[in-house]
Protein backbone atom coordinates (compact mmCIF):
# COMPACT_ATOMS: atom_id res chain seq x y z
CA MET A 1 1.00 25.78 -6.44
CA THR A 2 1.12 22.23 -8.00
CA GLN A 3 -2.34 21.14 -9.06
CA PHE A 4 -2.41 17.40 -8.38
CA GLY A 5 -5.56 16.04 -9.45
CA THR A 6 -4.97 12.64 -10.71
CA THR A 7 -1.61 13.21 -12.09
CA LYS A 8 1.25 11.04 -11.25
CA ARG A 9 3.85 12.94 -9.43
CA VAL A 10 7.25 11.86 -8.01
CA VAL A 11 8.86 12.95 -4.90
CA ILE A 12 12.67 12.32 -4.63
CA SER A 13 14.65 11.51 -1.25
CA SER A 14 18.48 11.06 -1.05
CA ASP A 15 18.49 7.40 -0.02
CA ALA A 16 16.09 4.69 1.49
CA GLU A 17 16.54 5.95 4.95
CA ALA A 18 15.69 9.55 4.08
CA LEU A 19 12.73 8.13 1.96
CA ALA A 20 11.14 6.06 4.89
CA ASP A 21 11.42 9.23 7.26
CA ALA A 22 9.86 11.48 4.74
CA VAL A 23 7.10 9.29 3.90
CA ALA A 24 6.55 8.30 7.55
CA GLY A 25 6.44 12.10 8.56
CA ARG A 26 4.01 12.80 5.71
CA LEU A 27 1.59 9.95 6.92
CA LEU A 28 1.68 11.08 10.35
CA SER A 29 0.90 14.70 9.89
CA ARG A 30 -1.93 13.89 7.65
CA LEU A 31 -3.50 11.57 10.15
CA ALA A 32 -2.90 14.14 12.99
CA ARG A 33 -4.78 16.77 10.81
CA ARG A 34 -7.50 14.13 9.73
CA SER A 35 -8.18 13.04 13.41
CA ALA A 36 -8.30 16.75 14.86
CA GLU A 37 -11.21 17.21 12.20
CA GLY A 38 -12.98 14.06 13.52
CA LYS A 39 -12.33 12.28 9.92
CA ARG A 40 -11.89 8.41 9.78
CA SER A 41 -8.97 7.42 7.92
CA HIS A 42 -8.54 3.96 6.26
CA VAL A 43 -5.09 3.22 5.50
CA ALA A 44 -3.93 0.27 3.25
CA LEU A 45 -0.40 -1.00 4.28
CA ALA A 46 2.15 -2.54 2.23
CA GLY A 47 4.88 -5.15 2.91
CA GLY A 48 8.52 -5.18 1.63
CA ALA A 49 11.48 -3.96 2.86
CA ILE A 50 10.76 -0.23 2.07
CA GLY A 51 7.23 -0.58 3.17
CA THR A 52 8.37 -1.94 6.59
CA ALA A 53 11.01 0.80 7.20
CA VAL A 54 8.22 3.47 6.33
CA LEU A 55 6.51 1.83 9.26
CA ARG A 56 9.22 1.31 11.49
CA ALA A 57 10.31 5.36 10.90
CA ALA A 58 6.56 6.09 11.58
CA GLY A 59 6.61 4.05 14.79
CA ALA A 60 9.98 5.66 15.99
CA VAL A 61 8.34 9.24 15.92
CA SER A 62 4.68 8.69 16.62
CA SER A 63 4.65 10.14 19.95
CA GLY A 64 5.39 13.47 18.52
CA TYR A 65 2.06 13.36 16.85
CA ASP A 66 -1.16 14.20 18.32
CA ILE A 67 -3.51 11.30 16.72
CA ASP A 68 -6.54 10.09 18.02
CA TRP A 69 -6.01 6.49 16.79
CA SER A 70 -9.37 5.57 17.31
CA HIS A 71 -10.24 7.47 13.83
CA VAL A 72 -7.53 5.46 12.06
CA HIS A 73 -8.26 1.85 10.51
CA PHE A 74 -5.47 -0.43 9.10
CA TRP A 75 -5.87 -2.71 6.39
CA TRP A 76 -3.15 -4.65 4.09
CA SER A 77 -3.04 -4.22 0.28
CA ASP A 78 -1.97 -7.92 0.03
CA GLU A 79 -0.66 -10.59 2.35
CA VAL A 80 1.02 -14.03 2.15
CA PHE A 81 -0.95 -16.92 3.01
CA ALA A 82 1.07 -18.45 5.98
CA SER A 83 1.21 -18.67 9.71
CA ARG A 84 0.87 -15.61 11.83
CA THR A 85 4.34 -16.42 13.15
CA ASP A 86 5.92 -16.63 9.62
CA ASP A 87 8.51 -13.69 9.12
CA GLU A 88 7.06 -13.36 5.72
CA ARG A 89 3.70 -12.07 6.93
CA HIS A 90 3.35 -8.34 6.17
CA GLU A 91 1.08 -8.08 9.49
CA ARG A 92 3.93 -9.34 11.50
CA ALA A 93 6.27 -6.73 10.32
CA ALA A 94 3.51 -4.12 10.47
CA ARG A 95 2.78 -4.74 14.04
CA ALA A 96 6.73 -4.94 15.23
CA ALA A 97 7.33 -1.55 13.22
CA LEU A 98 4.30 0.43 14.18
CA ILE A 99 1.05 -1.06 15.24
CA ASP A 100 2.29 -2.74 18.50
CA ARG A 101 3.80 0.90 19.44
CA ILE A 102 0.69 2.98 19.23
CA ASP A 103 -2.84 3.07 20.94
CA VAL A 104 -4.86 1.85 17.86
CA PRO A 105 -8.00 -0.36 19.24
CA ALA A 106 -7.79 -3.90 18.27
CA ARG A 107 -10.78 -3.60 16.26
CA ASN A 108 -9.31 -1.10 13.90
CA VAL A 109 -6.61 -3.47 12.81
CA HIS A 110 -8.20 -5.61 9.85
CA THR A 111 -5.76 -8.50 9.37
CA ILE A 112 -6.27 -11.11 6.62
CA ALA A 113 -6.84 -14.63 7.84
CA ALA A 114 -3.60 -16.81 8.28
CA VAL A 115 -3.24 -20.77 7.89
CA GLU A 116 -4.35 -20.98 11.62
CA ASP A 117 -7.90 -19.39 10.94
CA VAL A 118 -8.90 -21.21 7.66
CA ALA A 119 -7.61 -24.13 5.70
CA GLU A 120 -7.67 -22.59 1.98
CA VAL A 121 -6.33 -19.39 0.50
CA ASP A 122 -9.78 -19.09 -1.18
CA ALA A 123 -11.54 -19.01 2.08
CA ALA A 124 -8.89 -16.08 3.41
CA ALA A 125 -9.67 -14.20 0.52
CA ALA A 126 -13.44 -14.27 1.07
CA ALA A 127 -13.01 -13.43 4.65
CA TYR A 128 -11.12 -10.50 3.84
CA ALA A 129 -13.92 -9.43 1.28
CA ALA A 130 -16.46 -9.59 3.87
CA GLU A 131 -14.63 -7.57 6.31
CA LEU A 132 -14.10 -4.76 3.76
CA ALA A 133 -17.48 -4.92 2.84
CA ARG A 134 -18.75 -4.04 6.55
CA PHE A 135 -17.21 -0.66 5.65
CA GLY A 136 -18.40 -0.21 2.19
CA ASP A 137 -21.84 -0.03 0.47
CA ALA A 138 -23.57 -1.78 -2.27
CA ILE A 139 -21.83 -0.18 -5.26
CA HIS A 140 -18.39 -0.14 -3.40
CA PRO A 141 -18.13 -3.04 -1.08
CA TRP A 142 -14.82 -1.78 0.54
CA PRO A 143 -13.85 1.26 2.61
CA ASN A 144 -13.20 4.71 1.33
CA PHE A 145 -9.17 4.32 1.72
CA TYR A 146 -7.61 7.71 2.34
CA VAL A 147 -4.53 6.04 1.69
CA CYS A 148 -3.33 2.93 -0.08
CA PHE A 149 0.41 2.21 0.23
CA LEU A 150 2.06 0.12 -2.42
CA GLY A 151 5.67 -1.21 -3.09
CA VAL A 152 6.76 -1.92 -6.68
CA GLY A 153 8.61 -4.88 -7.57
CA SER A 154 11.38 -5.01 -10.16
CA ASP A 155 9.02 -6.71 -12.49
CA GLY A 156 6.59 -3.87 -11.77
CA HIS A 157 4.27 -5.69 -9.66
CA ILE A 158 1.93 -4.12 -6.89
CA ALA A 159 0.33 -5.88 -4.00
CA SER A 160 0.28 -9.23 -5.30
CA LEU A 161 -0.95 -8.27 -8.75
CA PHE A 162 1.71 -9.58 -11.26
CA PRO A 163 2.24 -8.77 -14.69
CA ASP A 164 0.43 -11.07 -17.55
CA ARG A 165 -1.59 -12.78 -14.92
CA ALA A 166 -5.24 -13.17 -14.34
CA GLU A 167 -5.35 -11.25 -10.95
CA ILE A 168 -4.68 -8.06 -12.72
CA GLN A 169 -7.77 -8.32 -14.94
CA ILE A 170 -10.12 -9.07 -12.03
CA THR A 171 -12.63 -6.10 -11.74
CA ASP A 172 -15.76 -7.92 -10.06
CA ARG A 173 -14.28 -8.70 -6.68
CA SER A 174 -12.45 -6.86 -4.07
CA VAL A 175 -10.04 -9.58 -3.14
CA VAL A 176 -8.66 -12.42 -4.85
CA PRO A 177 -6.61 -15.51 -3.79
CA VAL A 178 -3.04 -15.62 -5.69
CA ARG A 179 -1.71 -19.45 -6.25
CA ASP A 180 1.77 -20.03 -7.74
CA ALA A 181 2.93 -16.36 -7.43
CA PRO A 182 6.35 -15.99 -9.63
CA THR A 183 8.19 -14.82 -6.42
CA PRO A 184 7.90 -16.70 -3.01
CA PRO A 185 5.57 -17.14 -1.14
CA THR A 186 3.69 -18.34 -3.62
CA ALA A 187 0.16 -18.43 -1.88
CA ARG A 188 -1.17 -14.96 -1.39
CA ILE A 189 -4.14 -12.69 -0.83
CA THR A 190 -4.58 -9.39 -2.69
CA LEU A 191 -6.92 -6.31 -3.27
CA THR A 192 -7.88 -5.76 -6.81
CA ARG A 193 -7.01 -2.73 -9.00
CA PRO A 194 -10.82 -1.34 -8.67
CA VAL A 195 -10.14 -1.19 -4.81
CA ILE A 196 -6.59 0.03 -5.01
CA ASN A 197 -7.68 2.76 -7.41
CA SER A 198 -10.72 3.84 -5.34
CA ALA A 199 -8.53 5.09 -2.73
CA GLN A 200 -8.11 8.90 -2.50
CA CYS A 201 -4.27 8.65 -2.38
CA VAL A 202 -2.30 5.90 -3.83
CA TRP A 203 1.38 6.39 -2.61
CA LEU A 204 4.15 4.09 -4.23
CA VAL A 205 7.29 3.90 -2.20
CA VAL A 206 10.04 2.78 -4.46
CA SER A 207 13.80 2.22 -3.52
CA GLY A 208 16.88 0.89 -5.22
CA THR A 209 18.27 0.66 -8.41
CA ASP A 210 16.70 -2.80 -9.35
CA LYS A 211 13.40 -0.80 -9.38
CA ALA A 212 14.55 2.01 -11.69
CA ALA A 213 13.49 0.33 -15.10
CA ALA A 214 9.91 -0.64 -13.68
CA LEU A 215 9.37 2.68 -12.30
CA GLY A 216 10.29 4.45 -15.63
CA LEU A 217 7.79 2.24 -17.48
CA ALA A 218 5.07 2.80 -15.19
CA LEU A 219 5.63 6.73 -15.37
CA ALA A 220 5.76 6.37 -19.15
CA GLY A 221 2.47 4.86 -19.41
CA ALA A 222 2.99 1.24 -19.89
CA SER A 223 0.22 -0.90 -20.15
CA TYR A 224 -1.23 -2.18 -16.74
CA GLU A 225 -1.24 -5.84 -17.79
CA THR A 226 2.63 -6.05 -18.39
CA VAL A 227 3.34 -3.46 -15.66
CA PRO A 228 0.78 -3.39 -13.02
CA ALA A 229 2.61 -0.30 -11.36
CA ALA A 230 1.44 1.73 -14.29
CA GLY A 231 -2.29 1.06 -13.28
CA ALA A 232 -2.13 2.40 -9.94
CA LYS A 233 -4.01 5.83 -9.48
CA GLY A 234 -5.69 7.21 -6.79
CA ARG A 235 -8.79 9.34 -7.04
CA ARG A 236 -7.07 12.64 -5.76
CA ARG A 237 -3.41 12.06 -5.82
CA THR A 238 -0.98 9.46 -7.19
CA LEU A 239 2.46 10.13 -5.73
CA PHE A 240 5.75 8.13 -6.13
CA PHE A 241 7.93 8.59 -3.33
CA ILE A 242 11.29 7.33 -4.52
CA ASP A 243 14.97 7.36 -3.71
CA GLU A 244 17.84 8.81 -5.83
CA ALA A 245 18.83 5.13 -6.90
CA ALA A 246 15.49 4.27 -8.52
CA ALA A 247 15.30 7.84 -10.08
CA GLY A 248 17.37 7.18 -13.09
CA GLY A 249 14.25 6.99 -15.63
CA VAL A 250 12.17 9.88 -14.10
CA PRO A 251 11.08 12.49 -16.54
CA PRO A 252 12.24 15.77 -15.03
CA GLU A 253 8.48 17.19 -15.70
CA LEU A 254 7.21 14.63 -13.38
CA ILE A 255 9.31 15.66 -10.01
CA ASP A 256 7.51 17.62 -7.69
CA PRO A 257 9.84 19.72 -5.45
CA GLU A 258 6.91 21.56 -3.68
CA PHE A 259 5.36 18.28 -1.96
């Protein structure tokens, strides 16, 4: 049987739809198992088309899994600083796809402040850091995330940590504001690399030929400053769930047929 440790492994699905279905099923089955054991699961969600597709697939079949949703807490790895009604908000997409379709307590859904709540992106970042700290300790002022979902941009960015920018270097804060992001929306809030990499499992979900080059660099061990996806690593497992379109540059020895 494959020994994961913190080794990066790749799981390939045929296309984007099969990818979303496969990842959704894996997430729900693991949450069901953990809730049956009475374990709390903190999950950091990702935005973007494929991240939302995973949540939509999970929402469509969630009733088939015996999950005590009171044991599950939802967070976001990043968010855009906009109105809660803005279609760019990751929260808005996640609610429609999954959260509003399951019986998760409202107190377990930890959203990032919108423009209706605070005046500045700095205040939104500070408020989110304070909320994370309620579930952490003095050494790690954030929850013990079971899974942190990440998308990967064609430039290799994860969450709102973009290449060759200051945010990817920050290690003394859990959350930072992002201004003038290289892709719109330009005002964002993001988890920092120490929080992402403290998760038990980091699941990167990647779809499309436009992501193949960035994926290849991330798996080849590129510098995390220039390819942030290369620096994403869970404490127990780091899994790249990809479709065949994104698989062009994946070394065969990293493909895991067992998982």
